[in-house]
Amino acid sequence: MPSTKKTPKTQAKTQAKNKPRGILIGAGIATAAVLLGLASYSATKPEDNTLTPTLDTSSPTAAADPQNGVYPELEKLARRTEGDPLAQGKADAPVVLVEYADFKCGYCGKFARDTEPKLVKKYVDNGTLRIEWRNFPIFGEESEAVARAAWAAGRQGAFWPFHQAAYAKDAKAKGYGADRLKAIAEEAGVKDIGKFTADSDSAQARAAVKKDQEEAYRLGATSTPSFLVNGRPISGAQPDEVFDQAIEAAAKTAAAKTPAGTKAPAGPKDAKDAKDAKDAQK
């Protein structure tokens, strides 16, 4: 009878085959961060309110402002697309907060319930801040499904109500199965549930979520929530004052760079983003 004992070479192949996806992603993130010369960071517990970005210092564009930890290359990730259903606030607001989050993330829910409404009232409503959401599903199939569903709700102008309902205190415990996602959509005021269901499972939804997800991976983000405030990384559902300080510092810097009476420069425009945003308003 042939021996079933595995050789070291066979064992190595088996281990590589069975290696968790997260480990492989982590290696890819580290490589991408070095290649692009961008900040590599991990969002950890809320108690950790600072990040230590790792940069490829050979890239002159990757240099940070030592005063406030701002990275110019990261600041360019603000899309500022007019009519973007996954954003709130003026496209030309002086400060843009980009959030990379997962609907199954407990700390993301904490930020959505406790901090974000205050930021909207204090800074979005007066034109200082724009918030841009990026779907960053990292907790498996349900995370992917609810991310696509949120995008689909946005096609009917209901992303933010869906976001609020999906982050309600008891929402995570109920899960995000197909029936539950329809219920959340109805609660959010989505009028055409048939279209919502079709959009959720569309190639366009998958591509939109993948685009956001890959952007986060290129940054080096390994957990959620992760934020950029005009290019300054912040990790986790931090106390309100952490966001207040970052936003006010960014607003002050923007004001110093922008002559009185002129608008803040818009970020890079993506033609496909603009078309998608326009279609979503129909």
Protein backbone atom coordinates (compact mmCIF):
# COMPACT_ATOMS: atom_id res chain seq x y z
CA MET A 1 0.00 0.00 0.00
CA PRO A 2 1.50 3.40 -1.00
CA SER A 3 2.58 5.63 1.85
CA THR A 4 0.21 8.55 2.64
CA LYS A 5 2.89 10.51 4.45
CA LYS A 6 3.17 14.01 3.04
CA THR A 7 6.52 15.36 1.91
CA PRO A 8 7.57 18.83 3.06
CA LYS A 9 6.83 20.09 -0.45
CA THR A 10 3.29 18.63 -0.38
CA GLN A 11 2.70 20.05 3.09
CA ALA A 12 3.76 23.49 1.93
CA LYS A 13 1.33 23.33 -1.00
CA THR A 14 -1.50 22.22 1.30
CA GLN A 15 -0.78 25.00 3.77
CA ALA A 16 -0.71 27.59 1.00
CA LYS A 17 -3.99 26.28 -0.38
CA ASN A 18 -5.66 26.45 3.02
CA LYS A 19 -4.20 29.81 4.05
CA PRO A 20 -6.97 32.20 5.21
CA ARG A 21 -7.99 34.84 2.70
CA GLY A 22 -7.26 37.58 5.20
CA ILE A 23 -3.58 36.67 5.35
CA LEU A 24 -3.29 36.78 1.57
CA ILE A 25 -5.08 40.12 1.47
CA GLY A 26 -2.77 41.46 4.15
CA ALA A 27 0.28 40.64 2.03
CA GLY A 28 -1.32 42.28 -0.98
CA ILE A 29 -2.13 45.40 1.02
CA ALA A 30 1.43 45.75 2.25
CA THR A 31 2.79 45.40 -1.27
CA ALA A 32 0.30 47.87 -2.72
CA ALA A 33 1.00 50.44 -0.03
CA VAL A 34 4.72 50.31 -0.73
CA LEU A 35 4.29 50.38 -4.51
CA LEU A 36 1.94 53.35 -4.47
CA GLY A 37 3.81 55.24 -1.75
CA LEU A 38 0.60 55.75 0.23
CA ALA A 39 -0.18 55.51 3.90
CA SER A 40 -0.66 51.98 5.20
CA TYR A 41 -2.84 51.83 8.24
CA SER A 42 -5.16 49.59 10.27
CA ALA A 43 -8.29 50.68 12.06
CA THR A 44 -8.23 49.14 15.50
CA LYS A 45 -10.15 49.77 18.70
CA PRO A 46 -11.73 53.15 19.42
CA GLU A 47 -9.22 53.75 22.20
CA ASP A 48 -6.45 54.03 19.58
CA ASN A 49 -6.77 57.53 18.20
CA THR A 50 -3.55 57.80 16.23
CA LEU A 51 -2.17 56.08 13.18
CA THR A 52 1.42 55.40 12.25
CA PRO A 53 1.47 55.42 8.45
CA THR A 54 4.21 53.47 6.69
CA LEU A 55 5.40 55.25 3.57
CA ASP A 56 7.69 54.54 0.67
CA THR A 57 9.84 57.59 1.28
CA SER A 58 11.36 57.32 -2.19
CA SER A 59 8.09 58.75 -3.52
CA PRO A 60 8.26 62.56 -3.26
CA THR A 61 4.45 62.85 -3.49
CA ALA A 62 4.01 60.64 -0.43
CA ALA A 63 5.51 63.14 2.00
CA ALA A 64 3.23 64.09 4.86
CA ASP A 65 2.75 67.48 6.40
CA PRO A 66 4.47 66.97 9.80
CA GLN A 67 2.10 69.47 11.39
CA ASN A 68 -1.07 67.42 10.94
CA GLY A 69 -0.21 64.10 9.28
CA VAL A 70 -1.84 64.97 5.96
CA TYR A 71 -0.85 62.99 2.87
CA PRO A 72 -1.39 64.84 -0.43
CA GLU A 73 -1.90 61.62 -2.39
CA LEU A 74 -4.67 60.57 0.00
CA GLU A 75 -6.36 63.95 -0.20
CA LYS A 76 -6.81 63.38 -3.95
CA LEU A 77 -9.08 60.39 -3.23
CA ALA A 78 -11.99 62.73 -2.51
CA ARG A 79 -14.17 62.30 -5.62
CA ARG A 80 -16.37 65.37 -5.18
CA THR A 81 -18.81 64.03 -7.79
CA GLU A 82 -21.93 66.20 -8.10
CA GLY A 83 -25.07 64.22 -7.28
CA ASP A 84 -23.20 61.26 -5.82
CA PRO A 85 -25.93 59.35 -3.92
CA LEU A 86 -23.33 57.89 -1.54
CA ALA A 87 -22.19 61.34 -0.41
CA GLN A 88 -23.71 64.18 1.59
CA GLY A 89 -22.61 67.78 1.63
CA LYS A 90 -21.53 70.20 -1.07
CA ALA A 91 -19.16 68.92 -3.75
CA ASP A 92 -16.98 71.99 -3.21
CA ALA A 93 -16.95 71.83 0.60
CA PRO A 94 -13.47 72.71 1.93
CA VAL A 95 -13.23 69.46 3.90
CA VAL A 96 -14.02 65.94 2.72
CA LEU A 97 -14.29 63.00 5.10
CA VAL A 98 -14.00 59.69 3.24
CA GLU A 99 -15.25 56.71 5.22
CA TYR A 100 -14.33 53.09 4.41
CA ALA A 101 -16.81 50.91 6.27
CA ASP A 102 -18.67 47.61 6.48
CA PHE A 103 -22.32 47.36 7.55
CA LYS A 104 -21.48 44.32 9.70
CA CYS A 105 -18.80 46.24 11.60
CA GLY A 106 -19.82 47.10 15.17
CA TYR A 107 -17.52 50.12 15.43
CA CYS A 108 -18.83 51.41 12.09
CA GLY A 109 -22.32 51.24 13.57
CA LYS A 110 -21.14 53.11 16.64
CA PHE A 111 -19.76 55.90 14.46
CA ALA A 112 -22.93 55.99 12.35
CA ARG A 113 -25.22 56.27 15.39
CA ASP A 114 -23.16 58.35 17.81
CA THR A 115 -20.78 60.59 15.88
CA GLU A 116 -21.85 61.04 12.27
CA PRO A 117 -25.19 62.76 13.01
CA LYS A 118 -23.32 65.35 15.10
CA LEU A 119 -20.81 65.93 12.28
CA VAL A 120 -23.66 66.42 9.82
CA LYS A 121 -25.38 68.95 12.07
CA LYS A 122 -22.19 70.78 13.00
CA TYR A 123 -20.23 70.77 9.73
CA VAL A 124 -22.18 69.37 6.76
CA ASP A 125 -25.19 71.61 7.26
CA ASN A 126 -23.07 74.77 7.29
CA GLY A 127 -21.13 73.78 4.16
CA THR A 128 -17.78 73.00 5.82
CA LEU A 129 -17.83 69.23 5.40
CA ARG A 130 -18.70 66.66 2.76
CA ILE A 131 -18.93 62.98 3.72
CA GLU A 132 -18.19 60.37 1.05
CA TRP A 133 -19.00 56.73 1.76
CA ARG A 134 -16.90 53.86 0.42
CA ASN A 135 -18.20 50.31 0.68
CA PHE A 136 -15.45 48.21 2.27
CA PRO A 137 -17.00 44.77 2.96
CA ILE A 138 -14.52 42.56 4.80
CA PHE A 139 -16.75 40.16 6.75
CA GLY A 140 -17.81 37.76 4.02
CA GLU A 141 -20.82 37.23 1.77
CA GLU A 142 -23.36 39.08 3.92
CA SER A 143 -21.08 42.11 4.00
CA GLU A 144 -20.87 42.03 0.21
CA ALA A 145 -24.64 41.63 -0.09
CA VAL A 146 -25.55 44.55 2.17
CA ALA A 147 -22.94 46.74 0.47
CA ARG A 148 -24.55 46.06 -2.91
CA ALA A 149 -28.00 46.63 -1.40
CA ALA A 150 -26.92 50.01 -0.01
CA TRP A 151 -25.61 50.97 -3.44
CA ALA A 152 -28.91 49.84 -4.99
CA ALA A 153 -30.87 51.95 -2.49
CA GLY A 154 -28.73 54.87 -3.62
CA ARG A 155 -29.99 54.34 -7.16
CA GLN A 156 -33.37 55.43 -5.85
CA GLY A 157 -32.04 58.28 -3.74
CA ALA A 158 -32.30 56.34 -0.48
CA PHE A 159 -28.72 55.45 0.39
CA TRP A 160 -28.54 57.50 3.60
CA PRO A 161 -31.92 56.33 4.97
CA PHE A 162 -30.82 52.76 4.15
CA HIS A 163 -27.49 53.44 5.87
CA GLN A 164 -29.34 54.64 8.98
CA ALA A 165 -31.68 51.62 9.05
CA ALA A 166 -28.86 49.14 8.40
CA TYR A 167 -26.88 50.60 11.31
CA ALA A 168 -29.79 50.72 13.76
CA LYS A 169 -28.85 49.29 17.14
CA ASP A 170 -30.52 45.90 16.59
CA ALA A 171 -29.91 45.60 12.83
CA LYS A 172 -26.67 43.64 12.98
CA ALA A 173 -28.18 40.98 15.25
CA LYS A 174 -30.98 40.37 12.73
CA GLY A 175 -28.49 39.74 9.95
CA TYR A 176 -28.54 40.85 6.34
CA GLY A 177 -30.19 38.02 4.45
CA ALA A 178 -32.20 38.73 1.29
CA ASP A 179 -35.55 39.16 3.08
CA ARG A 180 -33.99 41.35 5.73
CA LEU A 181 -32.37 43.59 3.10
CA LYS A 182 -35.76 44.09 1.44
CA ALA A 183 -37.24 45.02 4.82
CA ILE A 184 -34.46 47.55 5.42
CA ALA A 185 -35.03 48.99 1.95
CA GLU A 186 -38.76 49.37 2.63
CA GLU A 187 -37.99 51.04 5.97
CA ALA A 188 -35.62 53.40 4.14
CA GLY A 189 -38.35 54.45 1.73
CA VAL A 190 -37.13 52.62 -1.38
CA LYS A 191 -40.16 52.76 -3.65
CA ASP A 192 -39.43 50.09 -6.28
CA ILE A 193 -38.36 46.94 -4.43
CA GLY A 194 -38.24 44.94 -7.66
CA LYS A 195 -35.71 47.35 -9.13
CA PHE A 196 -33.85 47.43 -5.81
CA THR A 197 -33.50 43.63 -5.86
CA ALA A 198 -32.36 43.59 -9.49
CA ASP A 199 -29.90 46.44 -8.94
CA SER A 200 -28.47 44.74 -5.84
CA ASP A 201 -27.53 41.67 -7.85
CA SER A 202 -26.33 43.53 -10.93
CA ALA A 203 -22.86 43.56 -12.41
CA GLN A 204 -22.84 47.33 -11.94
CA ALA A 205 -23.40 46.97 -8.18
CA ARG A 206 -20.60 44.42 -7.93
CA ALA A 207 -18.25 46.66 -9.90
CA ALA A 208 -19.07 49.72 -7.75
CA VAL A 209 -18.46 47.84 -4.50
CA LYS A 210 -15.28 46.27 -5.86
CA LYS A 211 -13.96 49.69 -6.89
CA ASP A 212 -14.38 51.06 -3.36
CA GLN A 213 -13.00 47.89 -1.79
CA GLU A 214 -9.90 47.87 -3.96
CA GLU A 215 -9.29 51.55 -3.20
CA ALA A 216 -9.22 50.69 0.50
CA TYR A 217 -6.89 47.75 -0.11
CA ARG A 218 -4.50 49.97 -2.06
CA LEU A 219 -4.40 52.34 0.89
CA GLY A 220 -3.42 49.51 3.19
CA ALA A 221 -6.63 49.50 5.24
CA THR A 222 -7.12 46.14 6.93
CA SER A 223 -10.13 46.79 9.14
CA THR A 224 -13.06 49.12 9.58
CA PRO A 225 -13.95 51.91 10.00
CA SER A 226 -11.09 53.83 8.41
CA PHE A 227 -11.31 57.51 7.52
CA LEU A 228 -9.52 60.20 5.56
CA VAL A 229 -10.08 63.86 6.44
CA ASN A 230 -8.55 65.86 3.60
CA GLY A 231 -5.83 63.23 3.38
CA ARG A 232 -5.34 62.72 7.11
CA PRO A 233 -5.93 59.08 8.17
CA ILE A 234 -8.02 58.36 11.27
CA SER A 235 -8.75 54.85 12.51
CA GLY A 236 -11.73 53.52 14.39
CA ALA A 237 -14.88 55.01 15.93
CA GLN A 238 -12.98 57.72 17.77
CA PRO A 239 -14.43 60.21 20.27
CA ASP A 240 -16.18 63.19 18.70
CA GLU A 241 -13.34 65.56 19.52
CA VAL A 242 -10.89 63.58 17.35
CA PHE A 243 -13.04 64.24 14.28
CA ASP A 244 -13.79 67.81 15.35
CA GLN A 245 -10.10 68.61 15.63
CA ALA A 246 -9.26 67.00 12.28
CA ILE A 247 -12.11 68.75 10.46
CA GLU A 248 -11.38 72.15 11.96
CA ALA A 249 -7.67 71.85 11.23
CA ALA A 250 -8.44 70.85 7.64
CA ALA A 251 -10.90 73.71 7.24
CA LYS A 252 -8.31 76.17 8.54
CA THR A 253 -5.69 74.84 6.12
CA ALA A 254 -8.15 74.96 3.22
CA ALA A 255 -9.09 78.55 4.05
CA ALA A 256 -5.44 79.56 4.06
CA LYS A 257 -4.97 78.03 0.61
CA THR A 258 -8.17 79.39 -0.93
CA PRO A 259 -8.46 83.13 -1.69
CA ALA A 260 -11.52 84.82 -0.18
CA GLY A 261 -14.58 84.68 -2.39
CA THR A 262 -13.49 81.64 -4.37
CA LYS A 263 -14.58 78.03 -4.09
CA ALA A 264 -12.43 75.16 -2.89
CA PRO A 265 -10.97 73.27 -5.86
CA ALA A 266 -12.97 70.23 -6.84
CA GLY A 267 -11.32 66.85 -6.63
CA PRO A 268 -10.64 64.57 -9.60
CA LYS A 269 -13.76 63.70 -11.57
CA ASP A 270 -14.49 60.21 -12.79
CA ALA A 271 -16.75 60.23 -15.85
CA LYS A 272 -18.32 56.90 -14.92
CA ASP A 273 -18.97 58.10 -11.34
CA ALA A 274 -20.65 61.22 -12.68
CA LYS A 275 -22.86 59.21 -15.06
CA ASP A 276 -23.79 56.73 -12.29
CA ALA A 277 -24.65 59.59 -9.94
CA LYS A 278 -26.83 61.24 -12.58
CA ASP A 279 -28.61 57.95 -13.35
CA ALA A 280 -29.27 57.44 -9.64
CA GLN A 281 -31.33 60.60 -9.49
CA LYS A 282 -33.72 59.43 -12.23
